[in-house]
Full PDB file with SEQRES, HELIX, SHEET, SSBOND, CRYST1, ORIGX, SCALE, CONECT and MASTER records, all heavy atoms in Angstrom:
SEQRES   1 A   42  TYR ARG ARG SER LEU SER PRO SER GLN ARG SER GLN ALA          
SEQRES   2 A   42  ILE ARG GLU GLU GLY GLN PHE GLY SER ASP LEU THR TYR          
SEQRES   3 A   42  GLY ASN ILE PRO GLU ILE ILE PRO ALA PHE VAL SER PHE          
SEQRES   4 A   42  PRO TYR GLN                                                  
HELIX    1 AA1 PRO A    7  GLN A   19  1                                  13    
HELIX    2 AA2 ILE A   32  SER A   38  1                                   7    
CRYST1    1.000    1.000    1.000  90.00  90.00  90.00 P 1           1          
ORIGX1      1.000000  0.000000  0.000000        0.00000                         
ORIGX2      0.000000  1.000000  0.000000        0.00000                         
ORIGX3      0.000000  0.000000  1.000000        0.00000                         
SCALE1      1.000000  0.000000  0.000000        0.00000                         
SCALE2      0.000000  1.000000  0.000000        0.00000                         
SCALE3      0.000000  0.000000  1.000000        0.00000                         
ATOM      1  N   TYR A   1     101.325 112.527  93.398  1.00  0.00           N  
ATOM      2  CA  TYR A   1     101.575 112.569  91.950  1.00  0.00           C  
ATOM      3  C   TYR A   1     101.898 111.180  91.418  1.00  0.00           C  
ATOM      4  O   TYR A   1     101.443 110.797  90.335  1.00  0.00           O  
ATOM      5  CB  TYR A   1     102.720 113.527  91.634  1.00  0.00           C  
ATOM      6  CG  TYR A   1     102.940 113.690  90.147  1.00  0.00           C  
ATOM      7  CD1 TYR A   1     102.029 114.393  89.367  1.00  0.00           C  
ATOM      8  CD2 TYR A   1     104.034 113.115  89.513  1.00  0.00           C  
ATOM      9  CE1 TYR A   1     102.202 114.530  87.996  1.00  0.00           C  
ATOM     10  CE2 TYR A   1     104.220 113.247  88.145  1.00  0.00           C  
ATOM     11  CZ  TYR A   1     103.305 113.955  87.392  1.00  0.00           C  
ATOM     12  OH  TYR A   1     103.478 114.078  86.030  1.00  0.00           O  
ATOM     13  N   ARG A   2     102.643 110.406  92.180  1.00  0.00           N  
ATOM     14  CA  ARG A   2     102.945 109.037  91.757  1.00  0.00           C  
ATOM     15  C   ARG A   2     101.656 108.232  91.577  1.00  0.00           C  
ATOM     16  O   ARG A   2     101.521 107.467  90.625  1.00  0.00           O  
ATOM     17  CB  ARG A   2     103.856 108.361  92.795  1.00  0.00           C  
ATOM     18  CG  ARG A   2     104.373 106.981  92.377  1.00  0.00           C  
ATOM     19  CD  ARG A   2     105.144 106.341  93.522  1.00  0.00           C  
ATOM     20  NE  ARG A   2     106.320 107.119  93.883  1.00  0.00           N  
ATOM     21  CZ  ARG A   2     107.522 106.925  93.360  1.00  0.00           C  
ATOM     22  NH1 ARG A   2     107.701 105.984  92.453  1.00  0.00           N  
ATOM     23  NH2 ARG A   2     108.547 107.667  93.747  1.00  0.00           N  
ATOM     24  N   ARG A   3     100.714 108.413  92.494  1.00  0.00           N  
ATOM     25  CA  ARG A   3      99.439 107.697  92.390  1.00  0.00           C  
ATOM     26  C   ARG A   3      98.647 108.138  91.171  1.00  0.00           C  
ATOM     27  O   ARG A   3      97.809 107.385  90.655  1.00  0.00           O  
ATOM     28  CB  ARG A   3      98.611 107.898  93.660  1.00  0.00           C  
ATOM     29  CG  ARG A   3      99.182 107.212  94.895  1.00  0.00           C  
ATOM     30  CD  ARG A   3      98.190 107.220  96.052  1.00  0.00           C  
ATOM     31  NE  ARG A   3      97.877 108.582  96.520  1.00  0.00           N  
ATOM     32  CZ  ARG A   3      98.546 109.219  97.462  1.00  0.00           C  
ATOM     33  NH1 ARG A   3      99.574 108.635  98.067  1.00  0.00           N  
ATOM     34  NH2 ARG A   3      98.183 110.437  97.845  1.00  0.00           N  
ATOM     35  N   SER A   4      98.868 109.366  90.694  1.00  0.00           N  
ATOM     36  CA  SER A   4      98.136 109.869  89.532  1.00  0.00           C  
ATOM     37  C   SER A   4      98.678 109.320  88.209  1.00  0.00           C  
ATOM     38  O   SER A   4      98.019 109.448  87.176  1.00  0.00           O  
ATOM     39  CB  SER A   4      98.184 111.405  89.503  1.00  0.00           C  
ATOM     40  OG  SER A   4      99.452 111.879  89.055  1.00  0.00           O  
ATOM     41  N   LEU A   5      99.865 108.726  88.240  1.00  0.00           N  
ATOM     42  CA  LEU A   5     100.467 108.185  87.022  1.00  0.00           C  
ATOM     43  C   LEU A   5      99.790 106.884  86.624  1.00  0.00           C  
ATOM     44  O   LEU A   5      99.199 106.182  87.458  1.00  0.00           O  
ATOM     45  CB  LEU A   5     101.966 107.944  87.238  1.00  0.00           C  
ATOM     46  CG  LEU A   5     102.829 109.165  87.561  1.00  0.00           C  
ATOM     47  CD1 LEU A   5     104.265 108.726  87.837  1.00  0.00           C  
ATOM     48  CD2 LEU A   5     102.785 110.187  86.426  1.00  0.00           C  
ATOM     49  N   SER A   6      99.901 106.546  85.364  1.00  0.00           N  
ATOM     50  CA  SER A   6      99.386 105.252  84.890  1.00  0.00           C  
ATOM     51  C   SER A   6     100.280 104.137  85.420  1.00  0.00           C  
ATOM     52  O   SER A   6     101.435 104.382  85.814  1.00  0.00           O  
ATOM     53  CB  SER A   6      99.389 105.227  83.366  1.00  0.00           C  
ATOM     54  OG  SER A   6     100.721 105.221  82.868  1.00  0.00           O  
ATOM     55  N   PRO A   7      99.791 102.900  85.451  1.00  0.00           N  
ATOM     56  CA  PRO A   7     100.624 101.780  85.915  1.00  0.00           C  
ATOM     57  C   PRO A   7     101.956 101.682  85.163  1.00  0.00           C  
ATOM     58  O   PRO A   7     102.993 101.428  85.775  1.00  0.00           O  
ATOM     59  CB  PRO A   7      99.742 100.557  85.661  1.00  0.00           C  
ATOM     60  CG  PRO A   7      98.352 101.077  85.775  1.00  0.00           C  
ATOM     61  CD  PRO A   7      98.394 102.458  85.178  1.00  0.00           C  
ATOM     62  N   SER A   8     101.930 101.907  83.859  1.00  0.00           N  
ATOM     63  CA  SER A   8     103.171 101.809  83.090  1.00  0.00           C  
ATOM     64  C   SER A   8     104.133 102.939  83.460  1.00  0.00           C  
ATOM     65  O   SER A   8     105.356 102.745  83.533  1.00  0.00           O  
ATOM     66  CB  SER A   8     102.873 101.840  81.591  1.00  0.00           C  
ATOM     67  OG  SER A   8     102.272 103.074  81.214  1.00  0.00           O  
ATOM     68  N   GLN A   9     103.590 104.142  83.709  1.00  0.00           N  
ATOM     69  CA  GLN A   9     104.449 105.264  84.108  1.00  0.00           C  
ATOM     70  C   GLN A   9     105.052 105.034  85.490  1.00  0.00           C  
ATOM     71  O   GLN A   9     106.221 105.342  85.728  1.00  0.00           O  
ATOM     72  CB  GLN A   9     103.648 106.564  84.087  1.00  0.00           C  
ATOM     73  CG  GLN A   9     103.286 107.055  82.697  1.00  0.00           C  
ATOM     74  CD  GLN A   9     102.341 108.238  82.741  1.00  0.00           C  
ATOM     75  OE1 GLN A   9     101.463 108.328  83.610  1.00  0.00           O  
ATOM     76  NE2 GLN A   9     102.501 109.154  81.798  1.00  0.00           N  
ATOM     77  N   ARG A  10     104.254 104.476  86.403  1.00  0.00           N  
ATOM     78  CA  ARG A  10     104.778 104.168  87.732  1.00  0.00           C  
ATOM     79  C   ARG A  10     105.886 103.129  87.649  1.00  0.00           C  
ATOM     80  O   ARG A  10     106.914 103.237  88.331  1.00  0.00           O  
ATOM     81  CB  ARG A  10     103.654 103.682  88.653  1.00  0.00           C  
ATOM     82  CG  ARG A  10     102.728 104.786  89.121  1.00  0.00           C  
ATOM     83  CD  ARG A  10     101.914 104.367  90.331  1.00  0.00           C  
ATOM     84  NE  ARG A  10     100.999 103.272  90.043  1.00  0.00           N  
ATOM     85  CZ  ARG A  10      99.749 103.431  89.618  1.00  0.00           C  
ATOM     86  NH1 ARG A  10      99.278 104.666  89.431  1.00  0.00           N  
ATOM     87  NH2 ARG A  10      98.976 102.393  89.396  1.00  0.00           N  
ATOM     88  N   SER A  11     105.678 102.133  86.807  1.00  0.00           N  
ATOM     89  CA  SER A  11     106.713 101.104  86.643  1.00  0.00           C  
ATOM     90  C   SER A  11     107.994 101.703  86.082  1.00  0.00           C  
ATOM     91  O   SER A  11     109.102 101.359  86.518  1.00  0.00           O  
ATOM     92  CB  SER A  11     106.206  99.987  85.724  1.00  0.00           C  
ATOM     93  OG  SER A  11     105.109  99.316  86.301  1.00  0.00           O  
ATOM     94  N   GLN A  12     107.842 102.612  85.111  1.00  0.00           N  
ATOM     95  CA  GLN A  12     109.019 103.247  84.531  1.00  0.00           C  
ATOM     96  C   GLN A  12     109.748 104.098  85.576  1.00  0.00           C  
ATOM     97  O   GLN A  12     110.985 104.090  85.640  1.00  0.00           O  
ATOM     98  CB  GLN A  12     108.628 104.123  83.347  1.00  0.00           C  
ATOM     99  CG  GLN A  12     109.831 104.756  82.640  1.00  0.00           C  
ATOM    100  CD  GLN A  12     109.433 105.621  81.459  1.00  0.00           C  
ATOM    101  OE1 GLN A  12     108.305 105.557  80.982  1.00  0.00           O  
ATOM    102  NE2 GLN A  12     110.369 106.436  80.983  1.00  0.00           N  
ATOM    103  N   ALA A  13     108.989 104.816  86.395  1.00  0.00           N  
ATOM    104  CA  ALA A  13     109.606 105.628  87.441  1.00  0.00           C  
ATOM    105  C   ALA A  13     110.381 104.758  88.419  1.00  0.00           C  
ATOM    106  O   ALA A  13     111.492 105.109  88.843  1.00  0.00           O  
ATOM    107  CB  ALA A  13     108.540 106.435  88.177  1.00  0.00           C  
ATOM    108  N   ILE A  14     109.808 103.603  88.781  1.00  0.00           N  
ATOM    109  CA  ILE A  14     110.491 102.686  89.698  1.00  0.00           C  
ATOM    110  C   ILE A  14     111.790 102.183  89.075  1.00  0.00           C  
ATOM    111  O   ILE A  14     112.829 102.102  89.731  1.00  0.00           O  
ATOM    112  CB  ILE A  14     109.569 101.514  90.070  1.00  0.00           C  
ATOM    113  CG1 ILE A  14     108.417 102.013  90.962  1.00  0.00           C  
ATOM    114  CG2 ILE A  14     110.356 100.413  90.800  1.00  0.00           C  
ATOM    115  CD1 ILE A  14     107.338 100.989  91.198  1.00  0.00           C  
ATOM    116  N   ARG A  15     111.739 101.852  87.787  1.00  0.00           N  
ATOM    117  CA  ARG A  15     112.954 101.387  87.112  1.00  0.00           C  
ATOM    118  C   ARG A  15     114.013 102.480  87.105  1.00  0.00           C  
ATOM    119  O   ARG A  15     115.191 102.211  87.349  1.00  0.00           O  
ATOM    120  CB  ARG A  15     112.637 100.958  85.674  1.00  0.00           C  
ATOM    121  CG  ARG A  15     111.851  99.658  85.566  1.00  0.00           C  
ATOM    122  CD  ARG A  15     111.901  99.129  84.139  1.00  0.00           C  
ATOM    123  NE  ARG A  15     111.368 100.079  83.167  1.00  0.00           N  
ATOM    124  CZ  ARG A  15     110.102 100.150  82.807  1.00  0.00           C  
ATOM    125  NH1 ARG A  15     109.209  99.336  83.348  1.00  0.00           N  
ATOM    126  NH2 ARG A  15     109.699 101.039  81.898  1.00  0.00           N  
ATOM    127  N   GLU A  16     113.585 103.702  86.818  1.00  0.00           N  
ATOM    128  CA  GLU A  16     114.546 104.806  86.781  1.00  0.00           C  
ATOM    129  C   GLU A  16     115.135 105.078  88.162  1.00  0.00           C  
ATOM    130  O   GLU A  16     116.329 105.402  88.285  1.00  0.00           O  
ATOM    131  CB  GLU A  16     113.866 106.069  86.251  1.00  0.00           C  
ATOM    132  CG  GLU A  16     113.539 106.014  84.774  1.00  0.00           C  
ATOM    133  CD  GLU A  16     112.908 107.315  84.326  1.00  0.00           C  
ATOM    134  OE1 GLU A  16     111.682 107.434  84.417  1.00  0.00           O  
ATOM    135  OE2 GLU A  16     113.659 108.209  83.912  1.00  0.00           O  
ATOM    136  N   GLU A  17     114.321 104.969  89.207  1.00  0.00           N  
ATOM    137  CA  GLU A  17     114.836 105.150  90.562  1.00  0.00           C  
ATOM    138  C   GLU A  17     115.906 104.121  90.866  1.00  0.00           C  
ATOM    139  O   GLU A  17     116.910 104.407  91.526  1.00  0.00           O  
ATOM    140  CB  GLU A  17     113.696 105.059  91.578  1.00  0.00           C  
ATOM    141  CG  GLU A  17     112.813 106.292  91.596  1.00  0.00           C  
ATOM    142  CD  GLU A  17     111.595 106.122  92.466  1.00  0.00           C  
ATOM    143  OE1 GLU A  17     111.067 104.999  92.570  1.00  0.00           O  
ATOM    144  OE2 GLU A  17     111.154 107.135  93.050  1.00  0.00           O  
ATOM    145  N   GLY A  18     115.690 102.893  90.383  1.00  0.00           N  
ATOM    146  CA  GLY A  18     116.680 101.853  90.579  1.00  0.00           C  
ATOM    147  C   GLY A  18     117.925 102.050  89.740  1.00  0.00           C  
ATOM    148  O   GLY A  18     119.026 101.648  90.116  1.00  0.00           O  
ATOM    149  N   GLN A  19     117.744 102.711  88.586  1.00  0.00           N  
ATOM    150  CA  GLN A  19     118.863 102.902  87.671  1.00  0.00           C  
ATOM    151  C   GLN A  19     119.723 104.112  88.036  1.00  0.00           C  
ATOM    152  O   GLN A  19     120.920 104.125  87.793  1.00  0.00           O  
ATOM    153  CB  GLN A  19     118.325 103.103  86.238  1.00  0.00           C  
ATOM    154  CG  GLN A  19     117.707 101.850  85.650  1.00  0.00           C  
ATOM    155  CD  GLN A  19     116.867 102.139  84.419  1.00  0.00           C  
ATOM    156  OE1 GLN A  19     116.715 103.292  84.017  1.00  0.00           O  
ATOM    157  NE2 GLN A  19     116.298 101.099  83.839  1.00  0.00           N  
ATOM    158  N   PHE A  20     119.080 105.092  88.646  1.00  0.00           N  
ATOM    159  CA  PHE A  20     119.792 106.339  88.905  1.00  0.00           C  
ATOM    160  C   PHE A  20     121.017 106.114  89.790  1.00  0.00           C  
ATOM    161  O   PHE A  20     120.979 105.446  90.799  1.00  0.00           O  
ATOM    162  CB  PHE A  20     118.865 107.347  89.584  1.00  0.00           C  
ATOM    163  CG  PHE A  20     119.564 108.625  89.953  1.00  0.00           C  
ATOM    164  CD1 PHE A  20     120.010 109.490  88.976  1.00  0.00           C  
ATOM    165  CD2 PHE A  20     119.800 108.934  91.280  1.00  0.00           C  
ATOM    166  CE1 PHE A  20     120.663 110.658  89.309  1.00  0.00           C  
ATOM    167  CE2 PHE A  20     120.448 110.103  91.628  1.00  0.00           C  
ATOM    168  CZ  PHE A  20     120.886 110.968  90.636  1.00  0.00           C  
ATOM    169  N   GLY A  21     122.104 106.680  89.394  1.00  0.00           N  
ATOM    170  CA  GLY A  21     123.299 106.632  90.224  1.00  0.00           C  
ATOM    171  C   GLY A  21     124.205 105.464  89.970  1.00  0.00           C  
ATOM    172  O   GLY A  21     125.144 105.236  90.725  1.00  0.00           O  
ATOM    173  N   SER A  22     123.972 104.705  88.881  1.00  0.00           N  
ATOM    174  CA  SER A  22     124.781 103.510  88.647  1.00  0.00           C  
ATOM    175  C   SER A  22     126.255 103.830  88.468  1.00  0.00           C  
ATOM    176  O   SER A  22     127.117 103.035  88.816  1.00  0.00           O  
ATOM    177  CB  SER A  22     124.268 102.751  87.425  1.00  0.00           C  
ATOM    178  OG  SER A  22     124.367 103.556  86.267  1.00  0.00           O  
ATOM    179  N   ASP A  23     126.561 104.988  87.927  1.00  0.00           N  
ATOM    180  CA  ASP A  23     127.950 105.349  87.670  1.00  0.00           C  
ATOM    181  C   ASP A  23     128.515 106.312  88.708  1.00  0.00           C  
ATOM    182  O   ASP A  23     129.585 106.879  88.510  1.00  0.00           O  
ATOM    183  CB  ASP A  23     128.077 105.993  86.278  1.00  0.00           C  
ATOM    184  CG  ASP A  23     127.883 104.978  85.161  1.00  0.00           C  
ATOM    185  OD1 ASP A  23     128.022 103.777  85.439  1.00  0.00           O  
ATOM    186  OD2 ASP A  23     127.588 105.400  84.031  1.00  0.00           O  
ATOM    187  N   LEU A  24     127.798 106.480  89.832  1.00  0.00           N  
ATOM    188  CA  LEU A  24     128.295 107.397  90.847  1.00  0.00           C  
ATOM    189  C   LEU A  24     129.520 106.821  91.541  1.00  0.00           C  
ATOM    190  O   LEU A  24     129.627 105.622  91.765  1.00  0.00           O  
ATOM    191  CB  LEU A  24     127.207 107.674  91.891  1.00  0.00           C  
ATOM    192  CG  LEU A  24     125.934 108.346  91.386  1.00  0.00           C  
ATOM    193  CD1 LEU A  24     124.988 108.590  92.546  1.00  0.00           C  
ATOM    194  CD2 LEU A  24     126.247 109.632  90.656  1.00  0.00           C  
ATOM    195  N   THR A  25     130.432 107.697  91.898  1.00  0.00           N  
ATOM    196  CA  THR A  25     131.641 107.299  92.604  1.00  0.00           C  
ATOM    197  C   THR A  25     131.443 107.566  94.087  1.00  0.00           C  
ATOM    198  O   THR A  25     131.551 108.714  94.540  1.00  0.00           O  
ATOM    199  CB  THR A  25     132.857 108.085  92.083  1.00  0.00           C  
ATOM    200  OG1 THR A  25     132.965 107.892  90.676  1.00  0.00           O  
ATOM    201  CG2 THR A  25     134.125 107.600  92.761  1.00  0.00           C  
ATOM    202  N   TYR A  26     131.131 106.520  94.838  1.00  0.00           N  
ATOM    203  CA  TYR A  26     130.903 106.685  96.267  1.00  0.00           C  
ATOM    204  C   TYR A  26     132.211 106.873  97.022  1.00  0.00           C  
ATOM    205  O   TYR A  26     132.223 107.418  98.119  1.00  0.00           O  
ATOM    206  CB  TYR A  26     130.145 105.481  96.835  1.00  0.00           C  
ATOM    207  CG  TYR A  26     128.699 105.446  96.437  1.00  0.00           C  
ATOM    208  CD1 TYR A  26     128.310 104.917  95.219  1.00  0.00           C  
ATOM    209  CD2 TYR A  26     127.718 105.954  97.280  1.00  0.00           C  
ATOM    210  CE1 TYR A  26     126.981 104.884  94.837  1.00  0.00           C  
ATOM    211  CE2 TYR A  26     126.380 105.929  96.916  1.00  0.00           C  
ATOM    212  CZ  TYR A  26     126.018 105.398  95.688  1.00  0.00           C  
ATOM    213  OH  TYR A  26     124.700 105.377  95.314  1.00  0.00           O  
ATOM    214  N   GLY A  27     133.310 106.398  96.416  1.00  0.00           N  
ATOM    215  CA  GLY A  27     134.608 106.547  97.063  1.00  0.00           C  
ATOM    216  C   GLY A  27     134.594 105.942  98.448  1.00  0.00           C  
ATOM    217  O   GLY A  27     134.099 104.838  98.660  1.00  0.00           O  
ATOM    218  N   ASN A  28     135.108 106.680  99.407  1.00  0.00           N  
ATOM    219  CA  ASN A  28     135.185 106.191 100.785  1.00  0.00           C  
ATOM    220  C   ASN A  28     134.215 106.923 101.698  1.00  0.00           C  
ATOM    221  O   ASN A  28     134.486 107.069 102.889  1.00  0.00           O  
ATOM    222  CB  ASN A  28     136.617 106.354 101.308  1.00  0.00           C  
ATOM    223  CG  ASN A  28     137.620 105.515 100.538  1.00  0.00           C  
ATOM    224  OD1 ASN A  28     137.367 104.335 100.274  1.00  0.00           O  
ATOM    225  ND2 ASN A  28     138.739 106.113 100.162  1.00  0.00           N  
ATOM    226  N   ILE A  29     133.095 107.389 101.149  1.00  0.00           N  
ATOM    227  CA  ILE A  29     132.108 108.065 101.986  1.00  0.00           C  
ATOM    228  C   ILE A  29     131.594 107.085 103.044  1.00  0.00           C  
ATOM    229  O   ILE A  29     131.092 106.011 102.714  1.00  0.00           O  
ATOM    230  CB  ILE A  29     130.933 108.591 101.142  1.00  0.00           C  
ATOM    231  CG1 ILE A  29     131.414 109.701 100.202  1.00  0.00           C  
ATOM    232  CG2 ILE A  29     129.828 109.137 102.039  1.00  0.00           C  
ATOM    233  CD1 ILE A  29     130.355 110.241  99.297  1.00  0.00           C  
ATOM    234  N   PRO A  30     131.725 107.407 104.331  1.00  0.00           N  
ATOM    235  CA  PRO A  30     131.313 106.478 105.386  1.00  0.00           C  
ATOM    236  C   PRO A  30     129.823 106.186 105.327  1.00  0.00           C  
ATOM    237  O   PRO A  30     129.019 107.052 104.964  1.00  0.00           O  
ATOM    238  CB  PRO A  30     131.677 107.223 106.677  1.00  0.00           C  
ATOM    239  CG  PRO A  30     132.649 108.280 106.269  1.00  0.00           C  
ATOM    240  CD  PRO A  30     132.295 108.654 104.865  1.00  0.00           C  
ATOM    241  N   GLU A  31     129.442 104.984 105.713  1.00  0.00           N  
ATOM    242  CA  GLU A  31     128.037 104.577 105.656  1.00  0.00           C  
ATOM    243  C   GLU A  31     127.154 105.477 106.510  1.00  0.00           C  
ATOM    244  O   GLU A  31     125.971 105.652 106.224  1.00  0.00           O  
ATOM    245  CB  GLU A  31     127.894 103.126 106.113  1.00  0.00           C  
ATOM    246  CG  GLU A  31     128.508 102.111 105.168  1.00  0.00           C  
ATOM    247  CD  GLU A  31     128.287 100.683 105.637  1.00  0.00           C  
ATOM    248  OE1 GLU A  31     127.586 100.499 106.655  1.00  0.00           O  
ATOM    249  OE2 GLU A  31     128.831  99.767 104.995  1.00  0.00           O  
ATOM    250  N   ILE A  32     127.706 106.042 107.572  1.00  0.00           N  
ATOM    251  CA  ILE A  32     126.898 106.859 108.470  1.00  0.00           C  
ATOM    252  C   ILE A  32     126.365 108.104 107.769  1.00  0.00           C  
ATOM    253  O   ILE A  32     125.285 108.606 108.104  1.00  0.00           O  
ATOM    254  CB  ILE A  32     127.724 107.251 109.719  1.00  0.00           C  
ATOM    255  CG1 ILE A  32     126.814 107.835 110.811  1.00  0.00           C  
ATOM    256  CG2 ILE A  32     128.834 108.218 109.366  1.00  0.00           C  
ATOM    257  CD1 ILE A  32     125.860 106.856 111.413  1.00  0.00           C  
ATOM    258  N   ILE A  33     127.087 108.610 106.763  1.00  0.00           N  
ATOM    259  CA  ILE A  33     126.654 109.841 106.091  1.00  0.00           C  
ATOM    260  C   ILE A  33     125.356 109.624 105.320  1.00  0.00           C  
ATOM    261  O   ILE A  33     124.380 110.354 105.527  1.00  0.00           O  
ATOM    262  CB  ILE A  33     127.768 110.400 105.190  1.00  0.00           C  
ATOM    263  CG1 ILE A  33     129.029 110.702 106.018  1.00  0.00           C  
ATOM    264  CG2 ILE A  33     127.288 111.644 104.463  1.00  0.00           C  
ATOM    265  CD1 ILE A  33     128.834 111.685 107.140  1.00  0.00           C  
ATOM    266  N   PRO A  34     125.274 108.627 104.411  1.00  0.00           N  
ATOM    267  CA  PRO A  34     123.974 108.400 103.761  1.00  0.00           C  
ATOM    268  C   PRO A  34     122.885 107.979 104.733  1.00  0.00           C  
ATOM    269  O   PRO A  34     121.707 108.267 104.508  1.00  0.00           O  
ATOM    270  CB  PRO A  34     124.268 107.298 102.735  1.00  0.00           C  
ATOM    271  CG  PRO A  34     125.572 106.715 103.113  1.00  0.00           C  
ATOM    272  CD  PRO A  34     126.333 107.790 103.822  1.00  0.00           C  
ATOM    273  N   ALA A  35     123.255 107.338 105.837  1.00  0.00           N  
ATOM    274  CA  ALA A  35     122.243 106.981 106.841  1.00  0.00           C  
ATOM    275  C   ALA A  35     121.627 108.238 107.445  1.00  0.00           C  
ATOM    276  O   ALA A  35     120.405 108.333 107.615  1.00  0.00           O  
ATOM    277  CB  ALA A  35     122.869 106.112 107.930  1.00  0.00           C  
ATOM    278  N   PHE A  36     122.462 109.216 107.768  1.00  0.00           N  
ATOM    279  CA  PHE A  36     121.959 110.486 108.282  1.00  0.00           C  
ATOM    280  C   PHE A  36     121.122 111.208 107.232  1.00  0.00           C  
ATOM    281  O   PHE A  36     120.032 111.708 107.509  1.00  0.00           O  
ATOM    282  CB  PHE A  36     123.121 111.395 108.679  1.00  0.00           C  
ATOM    283  CG  PHE A  36     123.753 111.070 110.001  1.00  0.00           C  
ATOM    284  CD1 PHE A  36     125.102 111.309 110.216  1.00  0.00           C  
ATOM    285  CD2 PHE A  36     123.009 110.545 111.039  1.00  0.00           C  
ATOM    286  CE1 PHE A  36     125.693 111.020 111.436  1.00  0.00           C  
ATOM    287  CE2 PHE A  36     123.585 110.250 112.259  1.00  0.00           C  
ATOM    288  CZ  PHE A  36     124.934 110.489 112.462  1.00  0.00           C  
ATOM    289  N   VAL A  37     121.663 111.289 106.021  1.00  0.00           N  
ATOM    290  CA  VAL A  37     121.031 112.102 104.983  1.00  0.00           C  
ATOM    291  C   VAL A  37     119.676 111.528 104.571  1.00  0.00           C  
ATOM    292  O   VAL A  37     118.745 112.261 104.263  1.00  0.00           O  
ATOM    293  CB  VAL A  37     121.969 112.241 103.769  1.00  0.00           C  
ATOM    294  CG1 VAL A  37     121.264 112.897 102.608  1.00  0.00           C  
ATOM    295  CG2 VAL A  37     123.199 113.045 104.157  1.00  0.00           C  
ATOM    296  N   SER A  38     119.565 110.207 104.553  1.00  0.00           N  
ATOM    297  CA  SER A  38     118.298 109.593 104.129  1.00  0.00           C  
ATOM    298  C   SER A  38     117.232 109.653 105.213  1.00  0.00           C  
ATOM    299  O   SER A  38     116.039 109.476 104.923  1.00  0.00           O  
ATOM    300  CB  SER A  38     118.532 108.140 103.706  1.00  0.00           C  
ATOM    301  OG  SER A  38     118.976 107.357 104.804  1.00  0.00           O  
ATOM    302  N   PHE A  39     117.613 109.942 106.457  1.00  0.00           N  
ATOM    303  CA  PHE A  39     116.652 109.885 107.561  1.00  0.00           C  
ATOM    304  C   PHE A  39     115.437 110.787 107.363  1.00  0.00           C  
ATOM    305  O   PHE A  39     114.291 110.335 107.554  1.00  0.00           O  
ATOM    306  CB  PHE A  39     117.364 110.223 108.882  1.00  0.00           C  
ATOM    307  CG  PHE A  39     116.452 110.265 110.069  1.00  0.00           C  
ATOM    308  CD1 PHE A  39     115.924 109.098 110.609  1.00  0.00           C  
ATOM    309  CD2 PHE A  39     116.092 111.476 110.654  1.00  0.00           C  
ATOM    310  CE1 PHE A  39     115.072 109.133 111.697  1.00  0.00           C  
ATOM    311  CE2 PHE A  39     115.245 111.525 111.745  1.00  0.00           C  
ATOM    312  CZ  PHE A  39     114.734 110.343 112.269  1.00  0.00           C  
ATOM    313  N   PRO A  40     115.591 112.069 106.967  1.00  0.00           N  
ATOM    314  CA  PRO A  40     114.394 112.899 106.788  1.00  0.00           C  
ATOM    315  C   PRO A  40     113.424 112.354 105.754  1.00  0.00           C  
ATOM    316  O   PRO A  40     112.212 112.587 105.853  1.00  0.00           O  
ATOM    317  CB  PRO A  40     114.975 114.255 106.340  1.00  0.00           C  
ATOM    318  CG  PRO A  40     116.359 114.267 106.880  1.00  0.00           C  
ATOM    319  CD  PRO A  40     116.830 112.850 106.770  1.00  0.00           C  
ATOM    320  N   TYR A  41     113.939 111.624 104.765  1.00  0.00           N  
ATOM    321  CA  TYR A  41     113.080 111.056 103.721  1.00  0.00           C  
ATOM    322  C   TYR A  41     112.387 109.788 104.199  1.00  0.00           C  
ATOM    323  O   TYR A  41     111.280 109.472 103.775  1.00  0.00           O  
ATOM    324  CB  TYR A  41     113.916 110.774 102.475  1.00  0.00           C  
ATOM    325  CG  TYR A  41     114.660 111.985 101.999  1.00  0.00           C  
ATOM    326  CD1 TYR A  41     115.915 112.288 102.502  1.00  0.00           C  
ATOM    327  CD2 TYR A  41     114.087 112.862 101.091  1.00  0.00           C  
ATOM    328  CE1 TYR A  41     116.591 113.420 102.103  1.00  0.00           C  
ATOM    329  CE2 TYR A  41     114.759 114.001 100.679  1.00  0.00           C  
ATOM    330  CZ  TYR A  41     116.006 114.278 101.189  1.00  0.00           C  
ATOM    331  OH  TYR A  41     116.671 115.405 100.807  1.00  0.00           O  
ATOM    332  N   GLN A  42     113.031 109.081 105.102  1.00  0.00           N  
ATOM    333  CA  GLN A  42     112.438 107.855 105.614  1.00  0.00           C  
ATOM    334  C   GLN A  42     111.298 108.127 106.579  1.00  0.00           C  
ATOM    335  O   GLN A  42     110.344 107.354 106.650  1.00  0.00           O  
ATOM    336  CB  GLN A  42     113.524 107.007 106.291  1.00  0.00           C  
ATOM    337  CG  GLN A  42     114.564 106.466 105.318  1.00  0.00           C  
ATOM    338  CD  GLN A  42     115.732 105.794 106.015  1.00  0.00           C  
ATOM    339  OE1 GLN A  42     116.095 106.169 107.130  1.00  0.00           O  
ATOM    340  NE2 GLN A  42     116.323 104.811 105.372  1.00  0.00           N  
TER     341      GLN A  42                                                      
MASTER        0    0    0    2    0    0    0    6  340    1    0    4          
END                                                                             
């Protein structure tokens, strides 16, 4: 679906991916947790 988007739409999606979560409170979540969670996506 990303490939089906226009160049401008893909650029906007990339910007939004970078923007998402700016105000999230990570607190003291250990680094190992996001490392585990991101593994299936990687």
